[in-house]
Amino acid sequence: MSAQAETVAPPRAPAQTDAIVAPMRMSVGALLAYLVLGVAVLIIAVPLVWMVLGSFKTRAEILTVPIRWLPASVGPANYLTAWHDAPFDRFYLNSLLVTTLGGGLKVVNGVLTAYALVFLRFPKKSLVFYAVLGALMVSAQITLIPNYVFVANLGWIDTYAGLIVPSAATAIGTFMFRQHFLTIPREVIEAARMDGVGHVGLLWRVILPMSRPTLVTFSLLAAVWEWNDFLWPLLVTNSLTMRTLPIGLTYLRSTEGATNWGAVMAGTVLVVLPVLVFFLWAQRHIVSGIMSGSVKG
């Protein structure tokens, strides 16, 4: 036996082993999550990048095989062609009016209906809410024919009223605002009522300031729905001067197979850009607005 006893390390406790293995497992899970997110971003971003780069290319460069990602030169030629080949100024005006007024009516309708469902007392209120939930299950395409007949009977074909009014009702907006209003502390509501605040003051001075994330989120959703809507404006308008941007893009395509795809992509960029700018401005409110009211029914 040696003069100096050999030092034996004590066995590692299970708790210490778990403390080391757990971060490794979390790291693997986080890596997989980031990998999936990266793939999703690529799937979404690659077509957008191709569209933006293609808006500066000639038709020959776009159709070249193998693919050439970068254009030979960067210039506004395709954007000028798209703007002059179709009345994009008129399309922009129509889309702005329809989006602003139609989206605004959706927000107002959703706020007022949700306020009534949460803060007012009236018979069969639960039944009304169930009817709103039922409306969520109805596809928008099912209402096209009834809405068209309604608009035609009123003489609103090829008018702004026909474009805007039928889409003012919103079941999803009512549901979102109702769920958020239920999360507002009752103490705040009671304090406002003790101060003599009526329904209008309560909504304008208390409810809406506390609902900004939900307001911004639904405003963005409503604006995107109105801006991108293709089928309803196609049905209810006849003249070129009443068309909106999504329909206006079809005027850049040639029926003879000689479509200038650079101009089409430039026109698409002109359509996407306003929505993208609005989204970048509103993105910090979106997650909190969607999650608002998710834990209370």
C-alpha atoms as a PDB file:
ATOM      1  CA  MET A   1       0.000   0.000   0.000  1.00  0.00           C
ATOM      2  CA  SER A   2       1.364   3.400  -0.958  1.00  0.00           C
ATOM      3  CA  ALA A   3       2.180   5.872   1.750  1.00  0.00           C
ATOM      4  CA  GLN A   4      -0.323   8.306   0.384  1.00  0.00           C
ATOM      5  CA  ALA A   5      -3.852   7.047   0.075  1.00  0.00           C
ATOM      6  CA  GLU A   6      -5.392   7.367  -3.354  1.00  0.00           C
ATOM      7  CA  THR A   7      -8.109   9.991  -3.435  1.00  0.00           C
ATOM      8  CA  VAL A   8     -11.368   8.619  -4.795  1.00  0.00           C
ATOM      9  CA  ALA A   9     -13.881  11.085  -6.245  1.00  0.00           C
ATOM     10  CA  PRO A  10     -17.330  10.720  -4.719  1.00  0.00           C
ATOM     11  CA  PRO A  11     -20.075   9.514  -7.079  1.00  0.00           C
ATOM     12  CA  ARG A  12     -22.018  12.266  -8.798  1.00  0.00           C
ATOM     13  CA  ALA A  13     -25.434  12.785  -7.354  1.00  0.00           C
ATOM     14  CA  PRO A  14     -28.452  12.289  -9.647  1.00  0.00           C
ATOM     15  CA  ALA A  15     -29.508  15.893  -9.100  1.00  0.00           C
ATOM     16  CA  GLN A  16     -26.148  17.120 -10.425  1.00  0.00           C
ATOM     17  CA  THR A  17     -26.443  14.883 -13.480  1.00  0.00           C
ATOM     18  CA  ASP A  18     -29.945  16.177 -14.235  1.00  0.00           C
ATOM     19  CA  ALA A  19     -28.751  19.764 -13.819  1.00  0.00           C
ATOM     20  CA  ILE A  20     -26.138  19.180 -16.537  1.00  0.00           C
ATOM     21  CA  VAL A  21     -28.334  17.154 -18.916  1.00  0.00           C
ATOM     22  CA  ALA A  22     -31.374  19.480 -18.749  1.00  0.00           C
ATOM     23  CA  PRO A  23     -29.668  22.485 -20.406  1.00  0.00           C
ATOM     24  CA  MET A  24     -28.360  20.157 -23.131  1.00  0.00           C
ATOM     25  CA  ARG A  25     -31.896  18.916 -23.790  1.00  0.00           C
ATOM     26  CA  MET A  26     -33.183  22.456 -23.828  1.00  0.00           C
ATOM     27  CA  SER A  27     -30.445  23.430 -26.265  1.00  0.00           C
ATOM     28  CA  VAL A  28     -31.383  20.609 -28.634  1.00  0.00           C
ATOM     29  CA  GLY A  29     -35.056  21.564 -28.422  1.00  0.00           C
ATOM     30  CA  ALA A  30     -34.267  25.225 -29.042  1.00  0.00           C
ATOM     31  CA  LEU A  31     -32.039  24.281 -31.982  1.00  0.00           C
ATOM     32  CA  LEU A  32     -34.822  22.237 -33.566  1.00  0.00           C
ATOM     33  CA  ALA A  33     -37.301  25.066 -32.997  1.00  0.00           C
ATOM     34  CA  TYR A  34     -34.990  27.585 -34.635  1.00  0.00           C
ATOM     35  CA  LEU A  35     -34.386  25.168 -37.511  1.00  0.00           C
ATOM     36  CA  VAL A  36     -38.125  24.817 -38.154  1.00  0.00           C
ATOM     37  CA  LEU A  37     -38.588  28.586 -37.928  1.00  0.00           C
ATOM     38  CA  GLY A  38     -35.698  29.112 -40.317  1.00  0.00           C
ATOM     39  CA  VAL A  39     -37.233  26.773 -42.878  1.00  0.00           C
ATOM     40  CA  ALA A  40     -40.599  28.536 -42.520  1.00  0.00           C
ATOM     41  CA  VAL A  41     -38.954  31.936 -43.016  1.00  0.00           C
ATOM     42  CA  LEU A  42     -37.200  30.680 -46.147  1.00  0.00           C
ATOM     43  CA  ILE A  43     -40.442  29.321 -47.586  1.00  0.00           C
ATOM     44  CA  ILE A  44     -42.094  32.711 -47.040  1.00  0.00           C
ATOM     45  CA  ALA A  45     -39.144  34.968 -47.868  1.00  0.00           C
ATOM     46  CA  VAL A  46     -37.742  33.352 -51.021  1.00  0.00           C
ATOM     47  CA  PRO A  47     -40.803  34.125 -53.217  1.00  0.00           C
ATOM     48  CA  LEU A  48     -40.853  37.704 -51.909  1.00  0.00           C
ATOM     49  CA  VAL A  49     -37.160  38.182 -52.632  1.00  0.00           C
ATOM     50  CA  TRP A  50     -37.631  36.684 -56.101  1.00  0.00           C
ATOM     51  CA  MET A  51     -40.553  39.060 -56.715  1.00  0.00           C
ATOM     52  CA  VAL A  52     -38.595  42.166 -55.678  1.00  0.00           C
ATOM     53  CA  LEU A  53     -35.525  41.175 -57.713  1.00  0.00           C
ATOM     54  CA  GLY A  54     -37.720  40.190 -60.661  1.00  0.00           C
ATOM     55  CA  SER A  55     -39.323  43.625 -60.676  1.00  0.00           C
ATOM     56  CA  PHE A  56     -35.986  44.995 -61.927  1.00  0.00           C
ATOM     57  CA  LYS A  57     -35.358  42.298 -64.548  1.00  0.00           C
ATOM     58  CA  THR A  58     -36.248  42.044 -68.193  1.00  0.00           C
ATOM     59  CA  ARG A  59     -38.556  39.281 -69.406  1.00  0.00           C
ATOM     60  CA  ALA A  60     -35.580  37.367 -70.818  1.00  0.00           C
ATOM     61  CA  GLU A  61     -33.728  37.514 -67.493  1.00  0.00           C
ATOM     62  CA  ILE A  62     -36.754  36.189 -65.608  1.00  0.00           C
ATOM     63  CA  LEU A  63     -37.185  33.233 -67.984  1.00  0.00           C
ATOM     64  CA  THR A  64     -33.475  32.375 -68.103  1.00  0.00           C
ATOM     65  CA  VAL A  65     -32.504  28.825 -67.080  1.00  0.00           C
ATOM     66  CA  PRO A  66     -30.585  28.285 -64.850  1.00  0.00           C
ATOM     67  CA  ILE A  67     -32.064  30.977 -62.625  1.00  0.00           C
ATOM     68  CA  ARG A  68     -30.258  34.293 -62.375  1.00  0.00           C
ATOM     69  CA  TRP A  69     -31.126  35.884 -59.060  1.00  0.00           C
ATOM     70  CA  LEU A  70     -29.585  39.322 -59.523  1.00  0.00           C
ATOM     71  CA  PRO A  71     -30.732  41.650 -62.331  1.00  0.00           C
ATOM     72  CA  ALA A  72     -28.194  42.923 -64.836  1.00  0.00           C
ATOM     73  CA  SER A  73     -29.162  46.492 -63.980  1.00  0.00           C
ATOM     74  CA  VAL A  74     -31.429  48.230 -61.488  1.00  0.00           C
ATOM     75  CA  GLY A  75     -33.883  50.798 -62.783  1.00  0.00           C
ATOM     76  CA  PRO A  76     -37.527  51.911 -62.544  1.00  0.00           C
ATOM     77  CA  ALA A  77     -38.472  50.780 -66.072  1.00  0.00           C
ATOM     78  CA  ASN A  78     -40.798  47.976 -64.991  1.00  0.00           C
ATOM     79  CA  TYR A  79     -42.473  50.159 -62.368  1.00  0.00           C
ATOM     80  CA  LEU A  80     -43.133  52.888 -64.924  1.00  0.00           C
ATOM     81  CA  THR A  81     -44.486  50.305 -67.364  1.00  0.00           C
ATOM     82  CA  ALA A  82     -46.814  48.834 -64.760  1.00  0.00           C
ATOM     83  CA  TRP A  83     -48.042  52.261 -63.693  1.00  0.00           C
ATOM     84  CA  HIS A  84     -48.811  53.384 -67.267  1.00  0.00           C
ATOM     85  CA  ASP A  85     -50.102  50.120 -68.773  1.00  0.00           C
ATOM     86  CA  ALA A  86     -52.968  50.100 -66.270  1.00  0.00           C
ATOM     87  CA  PRO A  87     -54.559  53.030 -64.405  1.00  0.00           C
ATOM     88  CA  PHE A  88     -52.781  52.241 -61.148  1.00  0.00           C
ATOM     89  CA  ASP A  89     -53.491  55.696 -59.768  1.00  0.00           C
ATOM     90  CA  ARG A  90     -57.222  54.965 -59.985  1.00  0.00           C
ATOM     91  CA  PHE A  91     -56.747  51.444 -58.609  1.00  0.00           C
ATOM     92  CA  TYR A  92     -54.828  52.881 -55.656  1.00  0.00           C
ATOM     93  CA  LEU A  93     -57.562  55.427 -54.958  1.00  0.00           C
ATOM     94  CA  ASN A  94     -60.265  52.750 -55.050  1.00  0.00           C
ATOM     95  CA  SER A  95     -58.293  50.371 -52.808  1.00  0.00           C
ATOM     96  CA  LEU A  96     -57.497  53.125 -50.318  1.00  0.00           C
ATOM     97  CA  LEU A  97     -61.157  54.163 -50.085  1.00  0.00           C
ATOM     98  CA  VAL A  98     -62.424  50.597 -49.769  1.00  0.00           C
ATOM     99  CA  THR A  99     -59.751  49.649 -47.229  1.00  0.00           C
ATOM    100  CA  THR A 100     -60.119  52.781 -45.104  1.00  0.00           C
ATOM    101  CA  LEU A 101     -63.906  52.919 -45.052  1.00  0.00           C
ATOM    102  CA  GLY A 102     -64.543  49.173 -45.109  1.00  0.00           C
ATOM    103  CA  GLY A 103     -61.908  48.394 -42.490  1.00  0.00           C
ATOM    104  CA  GLY A 104     -63.050  51.324 -40.368  1.00  0.00           C
ATOM    105  CA  LEU A 105     -66.656  50.126 -40.449  1.00  0.00           C
ATOM    106  CA  LYS A 106     -65.496  46.658 -39.412  1.00  0.00           C
ATOM    107  CA  VAL A 107     -63.666  48.082 -36.401  1.00  0.00           C
ATOM    108  CA  VAL A 108     -66.567  50.323 -35.356  1.00  0.00           C
ATOM    109  CA  ASN A 109     -69.087  47.530 -35.790  1.00  0.00           C
ATOM    110  CA  GLY A 110     -66.946  45.060 -33.832  1.00  0.00           C
ATOM    111  CA  VAL A 111     -66.316  47.505 -30.969  1.00  0.00           C
ATOM    112  CA  LEU A 112     -69.951  48.575 -30.569  1.00  0.00           C
ATOM    113  CA  THR A 113     -71.344  45.047 -30.814  1.00  0.00           C
ATOM    114  CA  ALA A 114     -68.800  43.679 -28.354  1.00  0.00           C
ATOM    115  CA  TYR A 115     -69.477  46.550 -25.927  1.00  0.00           C
ATOM    116  CA  ALA A 116     -73.193  45.747 -25.999  1.00  0.00           C
ATOM    117  CA  LEU A 117     -72.536  42.049 -25.405  1.00  0.00           C
ATOM    118  CA  VAL A 118     -70.287  42.733 -22.395  1.00  0.00           C
ATOM    119  CA  PHE A 119     -71.558  45.890 -20.674  1.00  0.00           C
ATOM    120  CA  LEU A 120     -75.257  46.142 -21.562  1.00  0.00           C
ATOM    121  CA  ARG A 121     -78.180  44.122 -20.310  1.00  0.00           C
ATOM    122  CA  PHE A 122     -80.839  43.028 -22.775  1.00  0.00           C
ATOM    123  CA  PRO A 123     -82.954  39.904 -23.310  1.00  0.00           C
ATOM    124  CA  LYS A 124     -81.411  36.871 -25.008  1.00  0.00           C
ATOM    125  CA  LYS A 125     -77.900  38.315 -24.889  1.00  0.00           C
ATOM    126  CA  SER A 126     -76.353  34.854 -24.756  1.00  0.00           C
ATOM    127  CA  LEU A 127     -78.374  33.834 -27.798  1.00  0.00           C
ATOM    128  CA  VAL A 128     -77.012  36.815 -29.715  1.00  0.00           C
ATOM    129  CA  PHE A 129     -73.468  35.803 -28.830  1.00  0.00           C
ATOM    130  CA  TYR A 130     -74.152  32.232 -29.962  1.00  0.00           C
ATOM    131  CA  ALA A 131     -75.409  33.653 -33.262  1.00  0.00           C
ATOM    132  CA  VAL A 132     -72.112  35.535 -33.610  1.00  0.00           C
ATOM    133  CA  LEU A 133     -70.210  32.313 -32.963  1.00  0.00           C
ATOM    134  CA  GLY A 134     -72.351  30.595 -35.577  1.00  0.00           C
ATOM    135  CA  ALA A 135     -71.517  33.319 -38.093  1.00  0.00           C
ATOM    136  CA  LEU A 136     -67.836  32.486 -37.571  1.00  0.00           C
ATOM    137  CA  MET A 137     -68.512  29.033 -39.008  1.00  0.00           C
ATOM    138  CA  VAL A 138     -70.000  30.382 -42.246  1.00  0.00           C
ATOM    139  CA  SER A 139     -67.617  30.700 -45.177  1.00  0.00           C
ATOM    140  CA  ALA A 140     -67.510  34.102 -46.860  1.00  0.00           C
ATOM    141  CA  GLN A 141     -68.107  32.490 -50.252  1.00  0.00           C
ATOM    142  CA  ILE A 142     -71.544  31.297 -49.104  1.00  0.00           C
ATOM    143  CA  THR A 143     -72.722  34.888 -48.659  1.00  0.00           C
ATOM    144  CA  LEU A 144     -71.595  36.090 -52.101  1.00  0.00           C
ATOM    145  CA  ILE A 145     -74.856  35.405 -53.935  1.00  0.00           C
ATOM    146  CA  PRO A 146     -77.187  36.826 -51.226  1.00  0.00           C
ATOM    147  CA  ASN A 147     -74.999  39.918 -50.933  1.00  0.00           C
ATOM    148  CA  TYR A 148     -74.913  40.367 -54.698  1.00  0.00           C
ATOM    149  CA  VAL A 149     -78.706  40.121 -54.950  1.00  0.00           C
ATOM    150  CA  PHE A 150     -79.038  42.602 -52.075  1.00  0.00           C
ATOM    151  CA  VAL A 151     -76.628  45.071 -53.691  1.00  0.00           C
ATOM    152  CA  ALA A 152     -78.252  44.685 -57.112  1.00  0.00           C
ATOM    153  CA  ASN A 153     -81.725  45.378 -55.703  1.00  0.00           C
ATOM    154  CA  LEU A 154     -80.420  48.580 -54.135  1.00  0.00           C
ATOM    155  CA  GLY A 155     -78.809  49.686 -57.405  1.00  0.00           C
ATOM    156  CA  TRP A 156     -75.327  49.608 -55.914  1.00  0.00           C
ATOM    157  CA  ILE A 157     -73.593  47.603 -58.639  1.00  0.00           C
ATOM    158  CA  ASP A 158     -70.374  49.329 -59.732  1.00  0.00           C
ATOM    159  CA  THR A 159     -70.476  51.796 -56.821  1.00  0.00           C
ATOM    160  CA  TYR A 160     -68.402  52.363 -53.690  1.00  0.00           C
ATOM    161  CA  ALA A 161     -71.419  51.554 -51.532  1.00  0.00           C
ATOM    162  CA  GLY A 162     -71.634  48.125 -53.141  1.00  0.00           C
ATOM    163  CA  LEU A 163     -67.949  47.552 -52.505  1.00  0.00           C
ATOM    164  CA  ILE A 164     -67.946  48.656 -48.876  1.00  0.00           C
ATOM    165  CA  VAL A 165     -71.285  48.144 -47.132  1.00  0.00           C
ATOM    166  CA  PRO A 166     -71.753  44.333 -47.442  1.00  0.00           C
ATOM    167  CA  SER A 167     -68.399  43.665 -45.794  1.00  0.00           C
ATOM    168  CA  ALA A 168     -69.012  45.958 -42.800  1.00  0.00           C
ATOM    169  CA  ALA A 169     -70.374  43.163 -40.617  1.00  0.00           C
ATOM    170  CA  THR A 170     -67.691  41.247 -38.738  1.00  0.00           C
ATOM    171  CA  ALA A 171     -68.197  38.232 -36.512  1.00  0.00           C
ATOM    172  CA  ILE A 172     -64.485  37.730 -35.847  1.00  0.00           C
ATOM    173  CA  GLY A 173     -64.083  41.369 -34.813  1.00  0.00           C
ATOM    174  CA  THR A 174     -67.008  41.114 -32.410  1.00  0.00           C
ATOM    175  CA  PHE A 175     -65.538  37.954 -30.913  1.00  0.00           C
ATOM    176  CA  MET A 176     -62.024  39.420 -30.510  1.00  0.00           C
ATOM    177  CA  PHE A 177     -63.226  42.627 -28.863  1.00  0.00           C
ATOM    178  CA  ARG A 178     -65.679  40.798 -26.607  1.00  0.00           C
ATOM    179  CA  GLN A 179     -62.972  38.471 -25.336  1.00  0.00           C
ATOM    180  CA  HIS A 180     -60.689  41.419 -24.625  1.00  0.00           C
ATOM    181  CA  PHE A 181     -63.394  43.498 -22.930  1.00  0.00           C
ATOM    182  CA  LEU A 182     -64.012  40.608 -20.528  1.00  0.00           C
ATOM    183  CA  THR A 183     -60.413  40.924 -19.270  1.00  0.00           C
ATOM    184  CA  ILE A 184     -60.774  44.588 -18.270  1.00  0.00           C
ATOM    185  CA  PRO A 185     -60.924  44.800 -14.440  1.00  0.00           C
ATOM    186  CA  ARG A 186     -64.420  45.380 -13.151  1.00  0.00           C
ATOM    187  CA  GLU A 187     -63.037  47.755 -10.540  1.00  0.00           C
ATOM    188  CA  VAL A 188     -62.042  50.190 -13.301  1.00  0.00           C
ATOM    189  CA  ILE A 189     -65.513  50.019 -14.834  1.00  0.00           C
ATOM    190  CA  GLU A 190     -67.250  50.535 -11.490  1.00  0.00           C
ATOM    191  CA  ALA A 191     -64.978  53.459 -10.614  1.00  0.00           C
ATOM    192  CA  ALA A 192     -65.813  55.163 -13.901  1.00  0.00           C
ATOM    193  CA  ARG A 193     -69.527  54.637 -13.359  1.00  0.00           C
ATOM    194  CA  MET A 194     -69.310  56.066  -9.813  1.00  0.00           C
ATOM    195  CA  ASP A 195     -67.770  59.179 -11.367  1.00  0.00           C
ATOM    196  CA  GLY A 196     -70.882  59.569 -13.487  1.00  0.00           C
ATOM    197  CA  VAL A 197     -69.389  58.394 -16.788  1.00  0.00           C
ATOM    198  CA  GLY A 198     -72.024  57.232 -19.285  1.00  0.00           C
ATOM    199  CA  HIS A 199     -71.742  54.558 -21.919  1.00  0.00           C
ATOM    200  CA  VAL A 200     -70.134  56.820 -24.532  1.00  0.00           C
ATOM    201  CA  GLY A 201     -67.603  58.197 -22.059  1.00  0.00           C
ATOM    202  CA  LEU A 202     -66.891  54.744 -20.675  1.00  0.00           C
ATOM    203  CA  LEU A 203     -66.202  53.381 -24.137  1.00  0.00           C
ATOM    204  CA  TRP A 204     -64.157  56.348 -25.370  1.00  0.00           C
ATOM    205  CA  ARG A 205     -62.227  57.273 -22.206  1.00  0.00           C
ATOM    206  CA  VAL A 206     -61.775  53.910 -20.479  1.00  0.00           C
ATOM    207  CA  ILE A 207     -62.401  50.888 -22.698  1.00  0.00           C
ATOM    208  CA  LEU A 208     -60.701  51.946 -25.936  1.00  0.00           C
ATOM    209  CA  PRO A 209     -57.480  53.279 -24.331  1.00  0.00           C
ATOM    210  CA  MET A 210     -57.112  49.935 -22.547  1.00  0.00           C
ATOM    211  CA  SER A 211     -57.810  48.049 -25.795  1.00  0.00           C
ATOM    212  CA  ARG A 212     -55.120  49.546 -28.023  1.00  0.00           C
ATOM    213  CA  PRO A 213     -53.330  46.250 -28.835  1.00  0.00           C
ATOM    214  CA  THR A 214     -56.587  44.603 -29.867  1.00  0.00           C
ATOM    215  CA  LEU A 215     -57.643  47.673 -31.836  1.00  0.00           C
ATOM    216  CA  VAL A 216     -54.370  47.782 -33.767  1.00  0.00           C
ATOM    217  CA  THR A 217     -54.381  44.030 -34.370  1.00  0.00           C
ATOM    218  CA  PHE A 218     -57.900  43.898 -35.728  1.00  0.00           C
ATOM    219  CA  SER A 219     -57.380  47.088 -37.736  1.00  0.00           C
ATOM    220  CA  LEU A 220     -54.426  45.403 -39.428  1.00  0.00           C
ATOM    221  CA  LEU A 221     -56.416  42.247 -40.105  1.00  0.00           C
ATOM    222  CA  ALA A 222     -59.362  44.220 -41.487  1.00  0.00           C
ATOM    223  CA  ALA A 223     -57.090  46.342 -43.669  1.00  0.00           C
ATOM    224  CA  VAL A 224     -55.374  43.268 -45.114  1.00  0.00           C
ATOM    225  CA  TRP A 225     -58.727  41.580 -45.806  1.00  0.00           C
ATOM    226  CA  GLU A 226     -60.090  44.622 -47.609  1.00  0.00           C
ATOM    227  CA  TRP A 227     -56.864  45.417 -49.470  1.00  0.00           C
ATOM    228  CA  ASN A 228     -56.377  41.856 -50.761  1.00  0.00           C
ATOM    229  CA  ASP A 229     -60.021  41.056 -51.522  1.00  0.00           C
ATOM    230  CA  PHE A 230     -60.363  39.914 -55.120  1.00  0.00           C
ATOM    231  CA  LEU A 231     -63.608  38.016 -55.604  1.00  0.00           C
ATOM    232  CA  TRP A 232     -66.165  40.500 -54.261  1.00  0.00           C
ATOM    233  CA  PRO A 233     -64.782  43.570 -56.126  1.00  0.00           C
ATOM    234  CA  LEU A 234     -64.605  41.436 -59.265  1.00  0.00           C
ATOM    235  CA  LEU A 235     -68.308  40.546 -58.970  1.00  0.00           C
ATOM    236  CA  VAL A 236     -69.722  43.896 -57.927  1.00  0.00           C
ATOM    237  CA  THR A 237     -67.775  46.199 -60.303  1.00  0.00           C
ATOM    238  CA  ASN A 238     -67.964  46.390 -64.077  1.00  0.00           C
ATOM    239  CA  SER A 239     -66.024  49.465 -65.176  1.00  0.00           C
ATOM    240  CA  LEU A 240     -62.253  49.847 -65.198  1.00  0.00           C
ATOM    241  CA  THR A 241     -62.442  52.992 -63.065  1.00  0.00           C
ATOM    242  CA  MET A 242     -64.051  51.063 -60.172  1.00  0.00           C
ATOM    243  CA  ARG A 243     -61.571  48.191 -60.040  1.00  0.00           C
ATOM    244  CA  THR A 244     -59.235  47.708 -57.072  1.00  0.00           C
ATOM    245  CA  LEU A 245     -55.541  46.819 -57.047  1.00  0.00           C
ATOM    246  CA  PRO A 246     -55.796  42.994 -56.887  1.00  0.00           C
ATOM    247  CA  ILE A 247     -57.990  43.041 -59.997  1.00  0.00           C
ATOM    248  CA  GLY A 248     -55.825  45.717 -61.602  1.00  0.00           C
ATOM    249  CA  LEU A 249     -52.854  43.349 -61.608  1.00  0.00           C
ATOM    250  CA  THR A 250     -54.678  41.107 -64.092  1.00  0.00           C
ATOM    251  CA  TYR A 251     -54.622  43.934 -66.655  1.00  0.00           C
ATOM    252  CA  LEU A 252     -50.818  43.610 -66.813  1.00  0.00           C
ATOM    253  CA  ARG A 253     -51.045  40.067 -68.156  1.00  0.00           C
ATOM    254  CA  SER A 254     -51.219  39.411 -71.866  1.00  0.00           C
ATOM    255  CA  THR A 255     -53.754  36.932 -73.224  1.00  0.00           C
ATOM    256  CA  GLU A 256     -51.365  36.159 -76.110  1.00  0.00           C
ATOM    257  CA  GLY A 257     -48.625  34.666 -73.944  1.00  0.00           C
ATOM    258  CA  ALA A 258     -46.192  37.600 -74.152  1.00  0.00           C
ATOM    259  CA  THR A 259     -46.673  38.829 -70.597  1.00  0.00           C
ATOM    260  CA  ASN A 260     -44.059  41.247 -69.309  1.00  0.00           C
ATOM    261  CA  TRP A 261     -43.418  39.461 -66.026  1.00  0.00           C
ATOM    262  CA  GLY A 262     -41.093  42.192 -64.837  1.00  0.00           C
ATOM    263  CA  ALA A 263     -43.968  44.686 -64.989  1.00  0.00           C
ATOM    264  CA  VAL A 264     -46.290  42.173 -63.290  1.00  0.00           C
ATOM    265  CA  MET A 265     -43.819  41.738 -60.430  1.00  0.00           C
ATOM    266  CA  ALA A 266     -43.334  45.501 -60.185  1.00  0.00           C
ATOM    267  CA  GLY A 267     -47.093  45.948 -59.951  1.00  0.00           C
ATOM    268  CA  THR A 268     -47.252  43.253 -57.277  1.00  0.00           C
ATOM    269  CA  VAL A 269     -44.600  45.093 -55.257  1.00  0.00           C
ATOM    270  CA  LEU A 270     -46.728  48.244 -55.499  1.00  0.00           C
ATOM    271  CA  VAL A 271     -49.680  46.292 -54.120  1.00  0.00           C
ATOM    272  CA  VAL A 272     -47.768  44.594 -51.293  1.00  0.00           C
ATOM    273  CA  LEU A 273     -45.721  47.587 -50.121  1.00  0.00           C
ATOM    274  CA  PRO A 274     -48.476  49.572 -48.282  1.00  0.00           C
ATOM    275  CA  VAL A 275     -49.603  46.500 -46.335  1.00  0.00           C
ATOM    276  CA  LEU A 276     -45.995  45.676 -45.448  1.00  0.00           C
ATOM    277  CA  VAL A 277     -45.381  49.198 -44.141  1.00  0.00           C
ATOM    278  CA  PHE A 278     -48.579  49.055 -42.076  1.00  0.00           C
ATOM    279  CA  PHE A 279     -47.559  45.678 -40.669  1.00  0.00           C
ATOM    280  CA  LEU A 280     -44.093  46.907 -39.667  1.00  0.00           C
ATOM    281  CA  TRP A 281     -45.693  49.821 -37.844  1.00  0.00           C
ATOM    282  CA  ALA A 282     -48.236  47.637 -36.030  1.00  0.00           C
ATOM    283  CA  GLN A 283     -46.195  44.491 -35.352  1.00  0.00           C
ATOM    284  CA  ARG A 284     -45.420  45.267 -31.703  1.00  0.00           C
ATOM    285  CA  HIS A 285     -49.148  45.212 -30.917  1.00  0.00           C
ATOM    286  CA  ILE A 286     -50.064  42.081 -32.846  1.00  0.00           C
ATOM    287  CA  VAL A 287     -49.044  39.299 -30.447  1.00  0.00           C
ATOM    288  CA  SER A 288     -50.506  40.984 -27.379  1.00  0.00           C
ATOM    289  CA  GLY A 289     -53.672  41.796 -29.296  1.00  0.00           C
ATOM    290  CA  ILE A 290     -54.200  38.225 -30.491  1.00  0.00           C
ATOM    291  CA  MET A 291     -53.475  36.763 -27.041  1.00  0.00           C
ATOM    292  CA  SER A 292     -55.678  39.290 -25.247  1.00  0.00           C
ATOM    293  CA  GLY A 293     -58.642  37.602 -23.655  1.00  0.00           C
ATOM    294  CA  SER A 294     -57.451  34.078 -24.507  1.00  0.00           C
ATOM    295  CA  VAL A 295     -57.619  32.953 -20.872  1.00  0.00           C
ATOM    296  CA  LYS A 296     -61.107  34.222 -20.113  1.00  0.00           C
ATOM    297  CA  GLY A 297     -64.404  33.367 -21.763  1.00  0.00           C
END
